[in-house]
Amino acid sequence: MSRPIARLTLAAAFALAAGPALAACYADYRATMDNPLRLHYGVIELPDAACSVAAAAPVIAERIGADGWELLQVISVFDQAGLAARRADAGDFFLRF
């Protein structure tokens, strides 16, 4: 009888440990580019260490800056539940960088 309990306990421990690893972090932002003036709204995936507005800004600025974009604003940071609502608004800039 203790074997099924031990297996169940072990399975629960693995599930709890995997939970945070599966939790993703995303941000939506606004960016600009000059000559000619262009603006875009985008959604980007972030590492767990950058999962706040303040920590996300330098990560986003570096990634989009490689293509000549300048970060204007990090609007918000959210988890996977917020992706679907933002997909249409981000268009080509949905998880591009």
Protein backbone atom coordinates (compact mmCIF):
# COMPACT_ATOMS: atom_id res chain seq x y z
CA MET A 1 0.00 0.00 0.00
CA SER A 2 2.87 2.40 0.61
CA ARG A 3 4.14 1.92 -2.96
CA PRO A 4 1.20 3.69 -4.65
CA ILE A 5 1.45 6.52 -2.11
CA ALA A 6 5.18 6.86 -2.74
CA ARG A 7 4.59 6.98 -6.51
CA LEU A 8 1.85 9.54 -6.11
CA THR A 9 4.04 11.68 -3.86
CA LEU A 10 6.90 11.47 -6.33
CA ALA A 11 4.63 12.38 -9.25
CA ALA A 12 3.26 15.36 -7.33
CA ALA A 13 6.78 16.55 -6.51
CA PHE A 14 7.78 16.41 -10.19
CA ALA A 15 4.63 18.27 -11.21
CA LEU A 16 5.30 21.05 -8.72
CA ALA A 17 8.93 21.33 -9.77
CA ALA A 18 8.02 21.50 -13.47
CA GLY A 19 5.31 24.14 -12.94
CA PRO A 20 7.59 27.18 -12.61
CA ALA A 21 9.82 25.96 -15.44
CA LEU A 22 6.81 25.93 -17.77
CA ALA A 23 5.57 29.37 -16.71
CA ALA A 24 6.59 31.76 -19.44
CA CYS A 25 7.07 35.50 -19.22
CA TYR A 26 6.07 37.94 -21.95
CA ALA A 27 5.88 41.71 -22.37
CA ASP A 28 4.14 44.05 -24.74
CA TYR A 29 5.93 47.20 -25.80
CA ARG A 30 5.98 50.16 -28.19
CA ALA A 31 8.95 50.98 -30.40
CA THR A 32 9.98 53.55 -32.99
CA MET A 33 12.38 53.89 -35.90
CA ASP A 34 13.36 57.12 -37.67
CA ASN A 35 13.96 57.92 -41.36
CA PRO A 36 11.17 57.35 -42.20
CA LEU A 37 9.27 57.48 -38.93
CA ARG A 38 7.76 54.09 -38.10
CA LEU A 39 6.08 52.81 -34.96
CA HIS A 40 5.19 49.33 -33.85
CA TYR A 41 3.50 47.50 -31.01
CA GLY A 42 5.01 44.12 -30.21
CA VAL A 43 4.94 41.15 -27.90
CA ILE A 44 8.18 39.48 -26.84
CA GLU A 45 9.11 36.47 -24.72
CA LEU A 46 11.43 37.21 -21.82
CA PRO A 47 13.72 35.16 -19.60
CA ASP A 48 12.43 34.61 -16.06
CA ALA A 49 15.05 37.02 -14.68
CA ALA A 50 13.52 39.87 -16.73
CA CYS A 51 9.90 39.31 -15.73
CA SER A 52 9.13 42.83 -14.50
CA VAL A 53 8.64 46.06 -16.42
CA ALA A 54 11.92 47.51 -15.15
CA ALA A 55 13.95 44.36 -15.84
CA ALA A 56 12.32 43.82 -19.25
CA ALA A 57 13.24 47.23 -20.68
CA PRO A 58 16.98 46.63 -21.27
CA VAL A 59 16.36 43.12 -22.62
CA ILE A 60 13.75 44.35 -25.09
CA ALA A 61 15.82 47.41 -26.07
CA GLU A 62 18.81 45.21 -26.90
CA ARG A 63 16.83 42.69 -28.95
CA ILE A 64 14.84 45.19 -31.01
CA GLY A 65 17.83 47.53 -31.28
CA ALA A 66 19.64 44.94 -33.38
CA ASP A 67 17.09 45.69 -36.13
CA GLY A 68 17.28 49.47 -35.67
CA TRP A 69 14.23 49.88 -33.42
CA GLU A 70 14.23 52.08 -30.32
CA LEU A 71 12.14 51.09 -27.30
CA LEU A 72 9.59 53.72 -26.32
CA GLN A 73 7.73 51.93 -23.55
CA VAL A 74 7.25 48.55 -21.90
CA ILE A 75 3.50 48.47 -21.46
CA SER A 76 3.13 45.37 -19.30
CA VAL A 77 4.58 42.01 -18.35
CA PHE A 78 2.30 38.97 -18.34
CA ASP A 79 2.20 35.19 -18.53
CA GLN A 80 1.02 32.85 -21.27
CA ALA A 81 -2.63 33.55 -20.47
CA GLY A 82 -2.27 37.04 -21.96
CA LEU A 83 -0.84 35.97 -25.32
CA ALA A 84 -4.02 35.24 -27.27
CA ALA A 85 -5.57 38.64 -26.52
CA ARG A 86 -2.49 40.46 -27.88
CA ARG A 87 -1.74 38.36 -30.99
CA ALA A 88 -3.87 40.31 -33.47
CA ASP A 89 -2.73 43.73 -32.22
CA ALA A 90 0.97 42.81 -32.49
CA GLY A 91 0.65 41.44 -36.03
CA ASP A 92 4.12 40.88 -37.54
CA PHE A 93 5.73 41.86 -34.23
CA PHE A 94 4.11 39.05 -32.25
CA LEU A 95 7.07 37.11 -30.77
CA ARG A 96 9.31 38.40 -33.60
CA PHE A 97 12.30 39.27 -31.42
